[in-house]
Structure formats: C-alpha cells, structure tokens
N, C-alpha and C. Protein backbone atom coordinates (compact mmCIF):
# COMPACT_ATOMS: atom_id res chain seq x y z
N UNK A 1 208.13 219.78 145.16
CA UNK A 1 209.26 218.99 145.54
C UNK A 1 208.89 218.17 146.78
N UNK A 2 209.10 216.88 146.83
CA UNK A 2 208.84 216.07 147.99
C UNK A 2 209.86 216.40 149.10
N UNK A 3 209.41 216.41 150.33
CA UNK A 3 210.31 216.59 151.40
C UNK A 3 210.27 215.53 152.36
N UNK A 4 211.45 215.06 152.87
CA UNK A 4 211.59 214.03 153.84
C UNK A 4 211.30 214.50 155.24
N UNK A 5 210.45 213.89 155.89
CA UNK A 5 210.09 214.19 157.33
C UNK A 5 210.93 213.32 158.31
N UNK A 6 211.68 213.97 159.13
CA UNK A 6 212.50 213.32 160.14
C UNK A 6 211.95 213.53 161.46
N UNK A 7 211.54 212.54 162.22
CA UNK A 7 211.12 212.71 163.63
C UNK A 7 212.13 213.45 164.44
N UNK A 8 211.79 214.49 165.13
CA UNK A 8 212.75 215.18 165.95
C UNK A 8 212.08 215.56 167.30
N UNK A 9 212.54 214.89 168.30
CA UNK A 9 211.98 215.22 169.66
C UNK A 9 213.03 216.00 170.37
N UNK A 10 212.70 216.40 171.56
CA UNK A 10 213.68 217.28 172.36
C UNK A 10 214.96 216.61 172.61
N UNK A 11 214.96 215.33 172.90
CA UNK A 11 216.21 214.64 173.18
C UNK A 11 217.12 214.65 171.97
N UNK A 12 216.60 214.32 170.77
CA UNK A 12 217.35 214.34 169.57
C UNK A 12 217.83 215.72 169.26
N UNK A 13 216.97 216.72 169.31
CA UNK A 13 217.28 218.13 169.12
C UNK A 13 218.45 218.57 169.87
N UNK A 14 218.44 218.16 171.31
CA UNK A 14 219.50 218.62 172.12
C UNK A 14 220.85 218.13 171.84
N UNK A 15 220.93 217.03 171.03
CA UNK A 15 222.27 216.46 170.65
C UNK A 15 222.83 217.09 169.36
N UNK A 16 221.99 217.96 168.69
CA UNK A 16 222.47 218.50 167.51
C UNK A 16 223.35 219.72 167.58
N UNK A 17 223.98 220.14 166.55
CA UNK A 17 224.93 221.34 166.55
C UNK A 17 224.04 222.55 166.39
N UNK A 18 224.57 223.71 166.97
CA UNK A 18 224.07 225.00 166.65
C UNK A 18 224.53 225.40 165.24
N UNK A 19 223.99 226.37 164.64
CA UNK A 19 224.49 226.72 163.31
C UNK A 19 225.97 227.20 163.42
N UNK A 20 226.27 227.95 164.47
CA UNK A 20 227.63 228.45 164.65
C UNK A 20 228.61 227.24 164.74
N UNK A 21 228.28 226.26 165.49
CA UNK A 21 229.11 225.07 165.74
C UNK A 21 229.25 224.34 164.46
N UNK A 22 228.14 224.19 163.69
CA UNK A 22 228.13 223.47 162.41
C UNK A 22 229.14 224.18 161.40
N UNK A 23 229.02 225.54 161.39
CA UNK A 23 229.84 226.26 160.50
C UNK A 23 231.37 226.20 160.90
N UNK A 24 231.57 226.14 162.20
CA UNK A 24 232.99 226.12 162.77
C UNK A 24 233.59 224.83 162.38
N UNK A 25 232.94 223.73 162.24
CA UNK A 25 233.54 222.43 161.93
C UNK A 25 233.60 222.13 160.43
N UNK A 26 233.12 223.05 159.65
CA UNK A 26 233.22 222.82 158.10
C UNK A 26 234.62 222.94 157.64
N UNK A 27 234.83 222.35 156.55
CA UNK A 27 236.20 222.41 155.88
C UNK A 27 236.14 223.35 154.65
N UNK A 28 236.39 222.77 153.44
CA UNK A 28 236.63 223.45 152.31
C UNK A 28 235.33 224.22 151.77
N UNK A 29 234.12 223.75 152.13
CA UNK A 29 232.93 224.33 151.62
C UNK A 29 232.39 225.46 152.52
N UNK A 30 233.06 225.77 153.58
CA UNK A 30 232.59 226.82 154.53
C UNK A 30 232.31 228.20 153.84
N UNK A 31 233.26 228.72 153.05
CA UNK A 31 233.17 229.97 152.40
C UNK A 31 231.92 230.01 151.42
N UNK A 32 231.82 228.88 150.65
CA UNK A 32 230.68 228.81 149.72
C UNK A 32 229.37 228.75 150.45
N UNK A 33 229.35 227.96 151.52
CA UNK A 33 228.10 227.89 152.39
C UNK A 33 227.72 229.25 153.02
N UNK A 34 228.70 229.96 153.54
CA UNK A 34 228.44 231.30 154.11
C UNK A 34 227.93 232.23 153.09
N UNK A 35 228.52 232.17 151.86
CA UNK A 35 228.10 233.09 150.72
C UNK A 35 226.64 232.75 150.37
N UNK A 36 226.31 231.48 150.20
CA UNK A 36 225.00 231.06 149.75
C UNK A 36 223.93 231.43 150.89
N UNK A 37 224.31 231.19 152.12
CA UNK A 37 223.44 231.60 153.20
C UNK A 37 223.13 233.13 153.27
N UNK A 38 224.13 233.90 153.00
CA UNK A 38 224.04 235.35 153.02
C UNK A 38 223.06 235.77 151.85
N UNK A 39 223.07 235.08 150.78
CA UNK A 39 222.32 235.40 149.63
C UNK A 39 220.86 234.91 149.68
N UNK A 40 220.59 233.98 150.63
CA UNK A 40 219.28 233.34 150.65
C UNK A 40 218.23 234.25 151.41
N UNK A 41 216.98 234.09 150.99
CA UNK A 41 215.91 234.73 151.71
C UNK A 41 214.69 233.95 151.59
N UNK A 42 213.81 234.03 152.63
CA UNK A 42 212.51 233.37 152.60
C UNK A 42 211.50 234.21 151.90
N UNK A 43 210.52 233.43 151.24
CA UNK A 43 209.43 234.15 150.53
C UNK A 43 208.50 234.49 151.69
N UNK A 44 207.51 235.33 151.30
CA UNK A 44 206.39 235.67 152.26
C UNK A 44 205.62 234.46 152.68
N UNK A 45 205.38 233.49 151.81
CA UNK A 45 204.68 232.39 152.14
C UNK A 45 205.48 231.45 153.12
N UNK A 46 206.82 231.37 152.88
CA UNK A 46 207.63 230.65 153.84
C UNK A 46 207.65 231.28 155.24
N UNK A 47 207.67 232.57 155.20
CA UNK A 47 207.60 233.33 156.54
C UNK A 47 206.32 233.03 157.29
N UNK A 48 205.32 232.91 156.60
CA UNK A 48 203.97 232.61 157.21
C UNK A 48 203.93 231.22 157.83
N UNK A 49 204.56 230.25 157.12
CA UNK A 49 204.48 228.90 157.52
C UNK A 49 205.62 228.47 158.48
N UNK A 50 206.53 229.40 158.75
CA UNK A 50 207.72 228.99 159.56
C UNK A 50 207.31 228.61 160.94
N UNK A 51 208.06 227.58 161.49
CA UNK A 51 207.83 227.13 162.91
C UNK A 51 208.12 228.14 163.95
N UNK A 52 207.70 227.89 165.17
CA UNK A 52 208.04 228.71 166.28
C UNK A 52 209.53 228.87 166.45
N UNK A 53 209.92 229.94 167.13
CA UNK A 53 211.34 230.21 167.29
C UNK A 53 212.02 229.23 168.27
N UNK A 54 213.32 228.90 167.98
CA UNK A 54 214.03 227.93 168.83
C UNK A 54 214.33 228.56 170.21
N UNK A 55 214.57 227.76 171.15
CA UNK A 55 214.89 228.34 172.40
C UNK A 55 216.19 229.06 172.35
N UNK A 56 216.38 230.09 173.13
CA UNK A 56 217.48 231.05 172.99
C UNK A 56 218.83 230.40 173.06
N UNK A 57 218.96 229.27 173.81
CA UNK A 57 220.30 228.58 173.82
C UNK A 57 220.57 227.71 172.60
N UNK A 58 219.65 227.54 171.71
CA UNK A 58 219.83 226.78 170.53
C UNK A 58 219.68 227.61 169.22
N UNK A 59 219.49 228.91 169.37
CA UNK A 59 219.36 229.74 168.22
C UNK A 59 220.63 229.76 167.37
N UNK A 60 220.49 229.94 166.11
CA UNK A 60 221.68 229.99 165.26
C UNK A 60 222.32 231.31 165.32
N UNK A 61 223.56 231.35 165.10
CA UNK A 61 224.41 232.52 165.06
C UNK A 61 224.05 233.27 166.41
C-alpha cells in the first residue's frame, strides 16, 4: 500500500494535538475510535521499524 509522506519539522509538530487532546475533541466517532485503538497491535516488523520515542511532553495518553 502506498503511503503519503508529509514533511514534519519541529515547528509543525509543536502545533499538533496530543493523542489525549485529539480524543477529547472527537464527537460521535470517539467510542468507535477508542475501541479500534484498544484492539490494534503492531507486528514484530512494525516494532523494529518504529521511529524514536516522542519527547515526554508530546507522548500520547
């Protein structure tokens, strides 16, 4: 599956929502999104390729 690459520098990243803030502003689809998120898991290959951890102040949840 092709993936879109979006340039993301520190300035743009700092303007984004944390996962917690994103979920807080959701409307009707919040429960479904939370359910899908709880059921999702990364494969071993995805874990190996995953990027470095986010700074503590931007970590999700």
